[in-house]
Each structure stands twice: as C-alpha cells, then as structure tokens.
Amino acid sequence: MASLNQRPPAEEKLLGGLSFVSRTFEGRFEDSPYVLDMDANLYIGPADRYSRDEHAVIEVIYHFLHQTERVSGSVRDLLRDRGALLDAFAAFDEARTENEAEEFRIVLYNTYDGSPLPPQGDDDLPAGPCGQSVNEIKRRFYERSRKLDPAFDERVLSEAQSTQEARFTE
C-alpha cells in the first residue's frame, strides 16, 4: 500500500475525470457534495435536499484511492477477491482516520435527521450524500463479493483483513 502522501502520476489530474467534483471548498458544500481542496483532501458532504444514491460516492472514493495508489485493480477485481476488497476497505478507513496528514485525506460528514455532523468516525451513522452508513455500504459490497468471488470461503485472510471484516459483519 502506498504512502498516504503519495501523489498521483503527473499526467493524471486527481479526480479530473469526474465533472461533478468541485475544486473549491470554503467550509460548506454549495454546488456538489464532493469537494477536492488545494491540498488534495477529499471532502464528502452530508445528505442534502437532493435524492442521491451511493453510486457517485463510491465512484469518487474508488477513483481517489486508486489514483493515490492505495488501491489497485478495478472495482470488478476487488469484488472477485474478498481479501482485496477488505484491503480496499482498510485503505478507505486509513484515509479517513489519518488526522496528521495534511493532504490526500478523505473527510466524510455524517448526518442525523438531515443535519450535518462533524466527521467523527462512527461507521453506523448515516454519512455522505446518500445518507447510508459506511457499514451498510461495506456490507452490501461484501455480500456482492460473496456471490462473485469463487474462492470466497476458502480465502485465507491476514490478521488485518480479519479485523477489517469483523468491523462491519458483527
């Protein structure tokens, strides 16, 4: 896994292919719930007045992690390998909880009754623009992996992967 402060390749603009990601963050989410600031920190705003599903947030997070070289392979490859999927979940959690880094972090805002809450790391609270909890989304992907990974039950997991799995399956 790459360092948290590793930059994407010079020829590739971070999240440049996603037109719905704003590049201006002044402490609020005006035009988009996805904002990349000057330090390459990704801010994901809370649910707002628009109905949104989880596809866009998953796309933004995946591209961010892939371009910063924390995750390799396609989403399809991750879903077909339980261990790789768990490693991707760990990379996402690491990017969210790395408070000392000044760049390449993910800041995910929680919501409660439609009001934004500061990022606090409670993976069971509704979060992001789709209003689903991190654990809900992880469980859905995990269940998809169970169907798509031909060696799902036979895979030997590392201790870190087993710990990651226990965080959202209990």
N, C-alpha and C. Protein backbone atom coordinates (compact mmCIF):
# COMPACT_ATOMS: atom_id res chain seq x y z
N MET A 1 0.85 -1.18 0.00
CA MET A 1 0.00 0.00 0.00
C MET A 1 0.89 1.23 0.00
N ALA A 2 0.52 2.19 -0.80
CA ALA A 2 1.31 3.41 -0.95
C ALA A 2 1.18 4.31 0.27
N SER A 3 2.15 5.19 0.39
CA SER A 3 2.10 6.19 1.46
C SER A 3 0.89 7.09 1.29
N LEU A 4 0.38 7.60 2.41
CA LEU A 4 -0.78 8.49 2.34
C LEU A 4 -0.47 9.77 1.59
N ASN A 5 0.78 10.15 1.56
CA ASN A 5 1.13 11.41 0.90
C ASN A 5 1.65 11.21 -0.51
N GLN A 6 1.40 10.05 -1.09
CA GLN A 6 1.88 9.80 -2.45
C GLN A 6 0.95 10.46 -3.46
N ARG A 7 1.52 11.17 -4.39
CA ARG A 7 0.75 11.89 -5.40
C ARG A 7 0.41 10.97 -6.57
N PRO A 8 -0.68 11.29 -7.28
CA PRO A 8 -0.99 10.53 -8.49
C PRO A 8 0.04 10.85 -9.56
N PRO A 9 0.15 10.00 -10.58
CA PRO A 9 1.10 10.29 -11.66
C PRO A 9 0.88 11.70 -12.22
N ALA A 10 1.96 12.36 -12.61
CA ALA A 10 1.90 13.76 -13.04
C ALA A 10 0.93 13.98 -14.20
N GLU A 11 0.80 12.99 -15.10
CA GLU A 11 -0.06 13.18 -16.26
C GLU A 11 -1.54 13.01 -15.94
N GLU A 12 -1.85 12.64 -14.72
CA GLU A 12 -3.24 12.36 -14.35
C GLU A 12 -3.69 13.34 -13.26
N LYS A 13 -4.67 14.16 -13.58
CA LYS A 13 -5.22 15.12 -12.62
C LYS A 13 -6.12 14.36 -11.65
N LEU A 14 -5.89 14.53 -10.36
CA LEU A 14 -6.66 13.81 -9.34
C LEU A 14 -8.14 14.10 -9.48
N LEU A 15 -8.92 13.08 -9.70
CA LEU A 15 -10.37 13.12 -9.90
C LEU A 15 -10.76 14.01 -11.08
N GLY A 16 -9.83 14.18 -12.01
CA GLY A 16 -10.06 15.05 -13.16
C GLY A 16 -11.16 14.56 -14.09
N GLY A 17 -11.42 13.26 -14.12
CA GLY A 17 -12.44 12.73 -14.99
C GLY A 17 -13.85 12.79 -14.42
N LEU A 18 -13.98 13.30 -13.22
CA LEU A 18 -15.29 13.37 -12.56
C LEU A 18 -15.75 14.82 -12.51
N SER A 19 -16.59 15.20 -13.43
CA SER A 19 -17.01 16.60 -13.56
C SER A 19 -17.85 17.09 -12.39
N PHE A 20 -18.44 16.19 -11.62
CA PHE A 20 -19.29 16.61 -10.51
C PHE A 20 -18.50 16.85 -9.23
N VAL A 21 -17.18 16.75 -9.26
CA VAL A 21 -16.35 17.06 -8.10
C VAL A 21 -15.93 18.52 -8.17
N SER A 22 -16.28 19.28 -7.15
CA SER A 22 -15.94 20.69 -7.09
C SER A 22 -14.49 20.85 -6.63
N ARG A 23 -13.88 21.93 -6.98
CA ARG A 23 -12.49 22.19 -6.60
C ARG A 23 -12.38 23.36 -5.62
N THR A 24 -13.49 23.83 -5.10
CA THR A 24 -13.49 24.96 -4.18
C THR A 24 -14.19 24.56 -2.90
N PHE A 25 -13.48 24.67 -1.78
CA PHE A 25 -14.10 24.34 -0.50
C PHE A 25 -13.89 25.49 0.46
N GLU A 26 -14.97 26.06 0.91
CA GLU A 26 -14.91 27.16 1.87
C GLU A 26 -15.70 26.81 3.13
N GLY A 27 -15.66 25.53 3.50
CA GLY A 27 -16.34 25.10 4.71
C GLY A 27 -17.78 24.70 4.51
N ARG A 28 -18.27 24.76 3.28
CA ARG A 28 -19.64 24.36 3.00
C ARG A 28 -19.70 23.75 1.60
N PHE A 29 -20.79 23.07 1.34
CA PHE A 29 -20.97 22.38 0.08
C PHE A 29 -22.03 23.11 -0.73
N GLU A 30 -21.59 23.91 -1.68
CA GLU A 30 -22.52 24.73 -2.46
C GLU A 30 -23.10 23.96 -3.64
N ASP A 31 -22.25 23.60 -4.59
CA ASP A 31 -22.70 23.02 -5.84
C ASP A 31 -22.66 21.50 -5.86
N SER A 32 -21.87 20.91 -5.01
CA SER A 32 -21.66 19.48 -5.05
C SER A 32 -21.29 18.97 -3.65
N PRO A 33 -21.70 17.76 -3.32
CA PRO A 33 -21.27 17.20 -2.03
C PRO A 33 -19.85 16.64 -2.07
N TYR A 34 -19.20 16.73 -3.23
CA TYR A 34 -17.84 16.21 -3.40
C TYR A 34 -16.91 17.36 -3.71
N VAL A 35 -15.96 17.62 -2.80
CA VAL A 35 -15.06 18.75 -2.99
C VAL A 35 -13.63 18.28 -2.75
N LEU A 36 -12.76 18.62 -3.69
CA LEU A 36 -11.33 18.35 -3.57
C LEU A 36 -10.64 19.68 -3.35
N ASP A 37 -9.97 19.85 -2.20
CA ASP A 37 -9.35 21.14 -1.91
C ASP A 37 -7.94 21.23 -2.50
N MET A 38 -7.27 22.35 -2.27
CA MET A 38 -5.95 22.59 -2.84
C MET A 38 -4.90 21.61 -2.32
N ASP A 39 -5.12 21.03 -1.15
CA ASP A 39 -4.18 20.07 -0.58
C ASP A 39 -4.53 18.63 -0.95
N ALA A 40 -5.46 18.47 -1.91
CA ALA A 40 -5.90 17.16 -2.38
C ALA A 40 -6.60 16.35 -1.29
N ASN A 41 -7.29 17.06 -0.42
CA ASN A 41 -8.15 16.39 0.56
C ASN A 41 -9.54 16.32 -0.04
N LEU A 42 -10.15 15.16 0.05
CA LEU A 42 -11.49 14.96 -0.49
C LEU A 42 -12.51 15.10 0.63
N TYR A 43 -13.40 16.08 0.48
CA TYR A 43 -14.49 16.31 1.44
C TYR A 43 -15.77 15.77 0.83
N ILE A 44 -16.46 14.92 1.59
CA ILE A 44 -17.72 14.35 1.13
C ILE A 44 -18.79 14.85 2.08
N GLY A 45 -19.67 15.68 1.54
CA GLY A 45 -20.68 16.34 2.35
C GLY A 45 -21.83 15.44 2.75
N PRO A 46 -22.64 15.93 3.66
CA PRO A 46 -23.78 15.16 4.16
C PRO A 46 -24.92 15.15 3.16
N ALA A 47 -25.92 14.34 3.45
CA ALA A 47 -27.12 14.31 2.62
C ALA A 47 -27.72 15.72 2.56
N ASP A 48 -28.24 16.06 1.40
CA ASP A 48 -28.83 17.38 1.23
C ASP A 48 -30.23 17.24 0.65
N ARG A 49 -30.71 18.29 0.06
CA ARG A 49 -32.09 18.29 -0.42
C ARG A 49 -32.31 17.43 -1.66
N TYR A 50 -31.23 16.95 -2.27
CA TYR A 50 -31.35 16.13 -3.47
C TYR A 50 -31.27 14.65 -3.11
N SER A 51 -32.08 13.86 -3.77
CA SER A 51 -32.04 12.42 -3.58
C SER A 51 -30.82 11.88 -4.31
N ARG A 52 -29.96 11.17 -3.61
CA ARG A 52 -28.74 10.63 -4.23
C ARG A 52 -28.58 9.18 -3.80
N ASP A 53 -28.03 8.38 -4.70
CA ASP A 53 -27.72 7.01 -4.31
C ASP A 53 -26.23 6.92 -4.02
N GLU A 54 -25.79 5.74 -3.69
CA GLU A 54 -24.39 5.59 -3.28
C GLU A 54 -23.43 5.45 -4.45
N HIS A 55 -23.91 5.34 -5.67
CA HIS A 55 -23.01 5.08 -6.79
C HIS A 55 -21.98 6.19 -6.99
N ALA A 56 -22.40 7.43 -6.94
CA ALA A 56 -21.45 8.53 -7.16
C ALA A 56 -20.41 8.59 -6.05
N VAL A 57 -20.83 8.41 -4.81
CA VAL A 57 -19.86 8.48 -3.71
C VAL A 57 -18.86 7.33 -3.80
N ILE A 58 -19.33 6.16 -4.19
CA ILE A 58 -18.42 5.02 -4.35
C ILE A 58 -17.45 5.28 -5.49
N GLU A 59 -17.94 5.86 -6.58
CA GLU A 59 -17.08 6.18 -7.71
C GLU A 59 -16.00 7.19 -7.30
N VAL A 60 -16.39 8.23 -6.59
CA VAL A 60 -15.43 9.25 -6.16
C VAL A 60 -14.38 8.63 -5.24
N ILE A 61 -14.82 7.86 -4.25
CA ILE A 61 -13.88 7.26 -3.30
C ILE A 61 -12.95 6.29 -4.00
N TYR A 62 -13.51 5.44 -4.87
CA TYR A 62 -12.67 4.47 -5.58
C TYR A 62 -11.60 5.18 -6.41
N HIS A 63 -11.99 6.18 -7.20
CA HIS A 63 -11.02 6.88 -8.04
C HIS A 63 -9.97 7.60 -7.20
N PHE A 64 -10.39 8.18 -6.09
CA PHE A 64 -9.45 8.86 -5.19
C PHE A 64 -8.41 7.85 -4.66
N LEU A 65 -8.88 6.71 -4.17
CA LEU A 65 -7.96 5.70 -3.62
C LEU A 65 -7.09 5.08 -4.72
N HIS A 66 -7.66 4.88 -5.89
CA HIS A 66 -6.91 4.28 -6.99
C HIS A 66 -5.84 5.25 -7.50
N GLN A 67 -6.21 6.51 -7.68
CA GLN A 67 -5.25 7.48 -8.20
C GLN A 67 -4.16 7.82 -7.20
N THR A 68 -4.41 7.69 -5.92
CA THR A 68 -3.37 7.91 -4.92
C THR A 68 -2.64 6.61 -4.59
N GLU A 69 -2.91 5.58 -5.39
CA GLU A 69 -2.22 4.29 -5.34
C GLU A 69 -2.38 3.56 -4.01
N ARG A 70 -3.52 3.74 -3.37
CA ARG A 70 -3.84 2.99 -2.16
C ARG A 70 -4.58 1.70 -2.49
N VAL A 71 -5.20 1.70 -3.67
CA VAL A 71 -5.96 0.55 -4.14
C VAL A 71 -5.54 0.29 -5.58
N SER A 72 -5.35 -0.98 -5.91
CA SER A 72 -5.05 -1.32 -7.30
C SER A 72 -6.15 -2.23 -7.82
N GLY A 73 -6.24 -2.32 -9.12
CA GLY A 73 -7.26 -3.16 -9.73
C GLY A 73 -8.57 -2.42 -9.89
N SER A 74 -9.44 -3.01 -10.68
CA SER A 74 -10.75 -2.42 -10.92
C SER A 74 -11.72 -2.80 -9.81
N VAL A 75 -12.86 -2.15 -9.78
CA VAL A 75 -13.90 -2.50 -8.79
C VAL A 75 -14.29 -3.95 -9.00
N ARG A 76 -14.41 -4.38 -10.24
CA ARG A 76 -14.76 -5.78 -10.54
C ARG A 76 -13.73 -6.73 -9.93
N ASP A 77 -12.43 -6.39 -10.05
CA ASP A 77 -11.38 -7.23 -9.47
C ASP A 77 -11.50 -7.28 -7.95
N LEU A 78 -11.82 -6.15 -7.34
CA LEU A 78 -11.98 -6.11 -5.88
C LEU A 78 -13.14 -7.00 -5.44
N LEU A 79 -14.23 -6.95 -6.19
CA LEU A 79 -15.40 -7.76 -5.82
C LEU A 79 -15.17 -9.25 -6.02
N ARG A 80 -14.23 -9.59 -6.86
CA ARG A 80 -13.94 -11.01 -7.13
C ARG A 80 -12.85 -11.56 -6.22
N ASP A 81 -12.37 -10.74 -5.30
CA ASP A 81 -11.32 -11.19 -4.38
C ASP A 81 -11.61 -10.60 -3.00
N ARG A 82 -12.15 -11.41 -2.13
CA ARG A 82 -12.55 -10.96 -0.78
C ARG A 82 -11.41 -10.26 -0.05
N GLY A 83 -10.20 -10.79 -0.13
CA GLY A 83 -9.05 -10.18 0.53
C GLY A 83 -8.74 -8.80 -0.01
N ALA A 84 -8.77 -8.66 -1.34
CA ALA A 84 -8.51 -7.35 -1.96
C ALA A 84 -9.58 -6.35 -1.58
N LEU A 85 -10.84 -6.80 -1.51
CA LEU A 85 -11.93 -5.91 -1.10
C LEU A 85 -11.72 -5.43 0.33
N LEU A 86 -11.34 -6.33 1.21
CA LEU A 86 -11.09 -5.94 2.60
C LEU A 86 -9.91 -4.99 2.70
N ASP A 87 -8.89 -5.19 1.86
CA ASP A 87 -7.76 -4.26 1.82
C ASP A 87 -8.22 -2.87 1.35
N ALA A 88 -9.12 -2.83 0.38
CA ALA A 88 -9.66 -1.55 -0.09
C ALA A 88 -10.45 -0.86 1.02
N PHE A 89 -11.24 -1.63 1.78
CA PHE A 89 -11.97 -1.05 2.91
C PHE A 89 -10.98 -0.46 3.92
N ALA A 90 -9.88 -1.17 4.17
CA ALA A 90 -8.88 -0.68 5.13
C ALA A 90 -8.22 0.60 4.60
N ALA A 91 -7.94 0.67 3.30
CA ALA A 91 -7.35 1.88 2.71
C ALA A 91 -8.29 3.06 2.86
N PHE A 92 -9.58 2.83 2.66
CA PHE A 92 -10.59 3.88 2.84
C PHE A 92 -10.60 4.35 4.29
N ASP A 93 -10.62 3.41 5.23
CA ASP A 93 -10.64 3.78 6.65
C ASP A 93 -9.37 4.54 7.04
N GLU A 94 -8.24 4.10 6.51
CA GLU A 94 -6.97 4.77 6.82
C GLU A 94 -6.98 6.20 6.30
N ALA A 95 -7.50 6.41 5.10
CA ALA A 95 -7.55 7.76 4.53
C ALA A 95 -8.48 8.67 5.32
N ARG A 96 -9.51 8.08 5.94
CA ARG A 96 -10.45 8.88 6.74
C ARG A 96 -9.92 9.19 8.13
N THR A 97 -9.10 8.32 8.67
CA THR A 97 -8.68 8.48 10.06
C THR A 97 -7.27 9.05 10.20
N GLU A 98 -6.60 9.29 9.10
CA GLU A 98 -5.24 9.83 9.14
C GLU A 98 -5.32 11.33 9.41
N ASN A 99 -5.37 11.69 10.67
CA ASN A 99 -5.55 13.09 11.06
C ASN A 99 -4.27 13.91 10.98
N GLU A 100 -3.13 13.27 11.00
CA GLU A 100 -1.88 14.01 10.99
C GLU A 100 -1.47 14.45 9.59
N ALA A 101 -1.97 13.76 8.57
CA ALA A 101 -1.62 14.11 7.20
C ALA A 101 -2.30 15.43 6.83
N GLU A 102 -1.61 16.20 6.03
CA GLU A 102 -2.17 17.47 5.60
C GLU A 102 -2.76 17.38 4.20
N GLU A 103 -2.53 16.27 3.52
CA GLU A 103 -3.06 16.12 2.17
C GLU A 103 -3.44 14.66 1.93
N PHE A 104 -4.24 14.48 0.87
CA PHE A 104 -4.69 13.16 0.45
C PHE A 104 -5.51 12.44 1.51
N ARG A 105 -6.36 13.17 2.21
CA ARG A 105 -7.25 12.59 3.21
C ARG A 105 -8.68 12.59 2.67
N ILE A 106 -9.51 11.76 3.27
CA ILE A 106 -10.94 11.77 2.98
C ILE A 106 -11.65 12.23 4.25
N VAL A 107 -12.48 13.25 4.11
CA VAL A 107 -13.26 13.76 5.23
C VAL A 107 -14.73 13.52 4.89
N LEU A 108 -15.36 12.62 5.62
CA LEU A 108 -16.73 12.21 5.35
C LEU A 108 -17.64 12.74 6.45
N TYR A 109 -18.62 13.55 6.06
CA TYR A 109 -19.54 14.13 7.03
C TYR A 109 -20.73 13.20 7.27
N ASN A 110 -21.07 13.04 8.53
CA ASN A 110 -22.24 12.25 8.93
C ASN A 110 -23.47 13.14 8.93
N THR A 111 -24.65 12.52 8.97
CA THR A 111 -25.89 13.28 9.08
C THR A 111 -26.78 12.63 10.13
N TYR A 112 -27.60 13.44 10.73
CA TYR A 112 -28.61 12.93 11.66
C TYR A 112 -29.85 13.80 11.51
N ASP A 113 -30.94 13.20 11.14
CA ASP A 113 -32.19 13.94 10.89
C ASP A 113 -31.97 15.10 9.93
N GLY A 114 -31.12 14.88 8.92
CA GLY A 114 -30.90 15.90 7.90
C GLY A 114 -29.92 16.99 8.28
N SER A 115 -29.39 16.96 9.50
CA SER A 115 -28.42 17.98 9.94
C SER A 115 -27.01 17.43 9.83
N PRO A 116 -26.09 18.22 9.30
CA PRO A 116 -24.71 17.73 9.20
C PRO A 116 -24.05 17.63 10.57
N LEU A 117 -23.29 16.57 10.74
CA LEU A 117 -22.48 16.38 11.95
C LEU A 117 -21.02 16.40 11.53
N PRO A 118 -20.14 16.87 12.39
CA PRO A 118 -18.73 16.84 12.02
C PRO A 118 -18.27 15.39 11.86
N PRO A 119 -17.26 15.17 11.03
CA PRO A 119 -16.75 13.81 10.85
C PRO A 119 -16.33 13.25 12.21
N GLN A 120 -16.82 12.06 12.53
CA GLN A 120 -16.48 11.51 13.84
C GLN A 120 -16.12 10.04 13.80
N GLY A 121 -16.22 9.42 12.64
CA GLY A 121 -15.77 8.04 12.53
C GLY A 121 -16.74 7.00 13.01
N ASP A 122 -17.99 7.34 13.27
CA ASP A 122 -18.99 6.35 13.65
C ASP A 122 -19.56 5.74 12.38
N ASP A 123 -19.12 4.54 12.05
CA ASP A 123 -19.48 3.92 10.78
C ASP A 123 -20.90 3.38 10.75
N ASP A 124 -21.65 3.55 11.83
CA ASP A 124 -23.05 3.13 11.83
C ASP A 124 -24.01 4.30 11.65
N LEU A 125 -23.50 5.53 11.68
CA LEU A 125 -24.34 6.71 11.43
C LEU A 125 -24.49 6.94 9.94
N PRO A 126 -25.63 7.46 9.51
CA PRO A 126 -25.75 7.84 8.10
C PRO A 126 -24.66 8.85 7.75
N ALA A 127 -24.09 8.68 6.56
CA ALA A 127 -22.97 9.55 6.17
C ALA A 127 -23.03 9.84 4.68
N GLY A 128 -22.40 10.92 4.33
CA GLY A 128 -22.28 11.27 2.92
C GLY A 128 -23.61 11.62 2.29
N PRO A 129 -23.56 11.96 1.01
CA PRO A 129 -24.75 12.46 0.32
C PRO A 129 -25.85 11.41 0.12
N CYS A 130 -25.52 10.13 0.24
CA CYS A 130 -26.57 9.11 0.05
C CYS A 130 -27.29 8.81 1.36
N GLY A 131 -26.76 9.29 2.48
CA GLY A 131 -27.42 9.11 3.77
C GLY A 131 -27.39 7.70 4.31
N GLN A 132 -26.52 6.85 3.77
CA GLN A 132 -26.36 5.49 4.29
C GLN A 132 -25.09 5.43 5.12
N SER A 133 -25.05 4.51 6.06
CA SER A 133 -23.85 4.39 6.88
C SER A 133 -22.74 3.69 6.09
N VAL A 134 -21.51 3.94 6.51
CA VAL A 134 -20.35 3.30 5.91
C VAL A 134 -20.50 1.78 6.00
N ASN A 135 -20.93 1.30 7.17
CA ASN A 135 -21.06 -0.14 7.34
C ASN A 135 -22.15 -0.74 6.45
N GLU A 136 -23.23 -0.02 6.21
CA GLU A 136 -24.27 -0.52 5.30
C GLU A 136 -23.69 -0.75 3.91
N ILE A 137 -22.92 0.21 3.43
CA ILE A 137 -22.35 0.10 2.09
C ILE A 137 -21.29 -0.99 2.06
N LYS A 138 -20.45 -1.06 3.09
CA LYS A 138 -19.45 -2.13 3.14
C LYS A 138 -20.13 -3.50 3.12
N ARG A 139 -21.20 -3.66 3.89
CA ARG A 139 -21.91 -4.95 3.92
C ARG A 139 -22.48 -5.31 2.54
N ARG A 140 -23.02 -4.32 1.84
CA ARG A 140 -23.56 -4.60 0.50
C ARG A 140 -22.48 -5.06 -0.46
N PHE A 141 -21.32 -4.40 -0.42
CA PHE A 141 -20.22 -4.83 -1.28
C PHE A 141 -19.68 -6.19 -0.86
N TYR A 142 -19.62 -6.41 0.42
CA TYR A 142 -19.15 -7.69 0.94
C TYR A 142 -20.07 -8.82 0.47
N GLU A 143 -21.36 -8.60 0.50
CA GLU A 143 -22.32 -9.61 0.04
C GLU A 143 -22.20 -9.83 -1.47
N ARG A 144 -21.94 -8.77 -2.21
CA ARG A 144 -21.70 -8.94 -3.65
C ARG A 144 -20.45 -9.76 -3.88
N SER A 145 -19.42 -9.51 -3.09
CA SER A 145 -18.18 -10.27 -3.20
C SER A 145 -18.43 -11.74 -2.88
N ARG A 146 -19.28 -12.01 -1.92
CA ARG A 146 -19.61 -13.39 -1.56
C ARG A 146 -20.16 -14.13 -2.78
N LYS A 147 -20.92 -13.43 -3.61
CA LYS A 147 -21.52 -14.04 -4.81
C LYS A 147 -20.53 -14.13 -5.97
N LEU A 148 -19.62 -13.15 -6.08
CA LEU A 148 -18.74 -13.06 -7.24
C LEU A 148 -17.37 -13.71 -7.06
N ASP A 149 -16.93 -13.87 -5.83
CA ASP A 149 -15.61 -14.44 -5.56
C ASP A 149 -15.74 -15.96 -5.49
N PRO A 150 -15.21 -16.68 -6.49
CA PRO A 150 -15.36 -18.14 -6.49
C PRO A 150 -14.66 -18.83 -5.31
N ALA A 151 -13.69 -18.15 -4.70
CA ALA A 151 -12.96 -18.75 -3.58
C ALA A 151 -13.24 -18.00 -2.28
N PHE A 152 -14.41 -17.37 -2.18
CA PHE A 152 -14.73 -16.51 -1.04
C PHE A 152 -14.48 -17.22 0.30
N ASP A 153 -15.07 -18.39 0.49
CA ASP A 153 -14.95 -19.08 1.78
C ASP A 153 -13.59 -19.71 2.00
N GLU A 154 -12.87 -20.01 0.92
CA GLU A 154 -11.57 -20.67 1.04
C GLU A 154 -10.42 -19.69 1.24
N ARG A 155 -10.65 -18.43 0.97
CA ARG A 155 -9.55 -17.46 1.07
C ARG A 155 -9.03 -17.38 2.50
N VAL A 156 -7.73 -17.41 2.62
CA VAL A 156 -7.08 -17.24 3.91
C VAL A 156 -6.82 -15.74 4.08
N LEU A 157 -7.36 -15.18 5.15
CA LEU A 157 -7.23 -13.75 5.39
C LEU A 157 -6.10 -13.46 6.34
N SER A 158 -5.46 -12.33 6.13
CA SER A 158 -4.45 -11.88 7.09
C SER A 158 -5.16 -11.41 8.35
N GLU A 159 -4.39 -11.17 9.38
CA GLU A 159 -4.98 -10.68 10.63
C GLU A 159 -5.65 -9.32 10.41
N ALA A 160 -5.01 -8.46 9.63
CA ALA A 160 -5.59 -7.13 9.36
C ALA A 160 -6.90 -7.26 8.57
N GLN A 161 -6.94 -8.17 7.61
CA GLN A 161 -8.17 -8.38 6.84
C GLN A 161 -9.28 -8.93 7.72
N SER A 162 -8.94 -9.85 8.61
CA SER A 162 -9.95 -10.42 9.53
C SER A 162 -10.48 -9.35 10.47
N THR A 163 -9.60 -8.47 10.93
CA THR A 163 -10.02 -7.37 11.80
C THR A 163 -10.96 -6.44 11.05
N GLN A 164 -10.62 -6.11 9.80
CA GLN A 164 -11.46 -5.25 8.98
C GLN A 164 -12.83 -5.90 8.77
N GLU A 165 -12.85 -7.18 8.48
CA GLU A 165 -14.08 -7.90 8.24
C GLU A 165 -14.99 -7.88 9.48
N ALA A 166 -14.39 -8.02 10.64
CA ALA A 166 -15.15 -8.06 11.90
C ALA A 166 -15.78 -6.71 12.21
N ARG A 167 -15.21 -5.62 11.70
CA ARG A 167 -15.74 -4.28 12.00
C ARG A 167 -17.13 -4.05 11.46
N PHE A 168 -17.51 -4.71 10.37
CA PHE A 168 -18.82 -4.44 9.79
C PHE A 168 -19.70 -5.68 9.65
N THR A 169 -19.20 -6.85 10.03
CA THR A 169 -20.02 -8.06 9.90
C THR A 169 -20.64 -8.49 11.23
N GLU A 170 -20.23 -7.88 12.31
CA GLU A 170 -20.76 -8.28 13.63
C GLU A 170 -22.13 -7.69 13.89
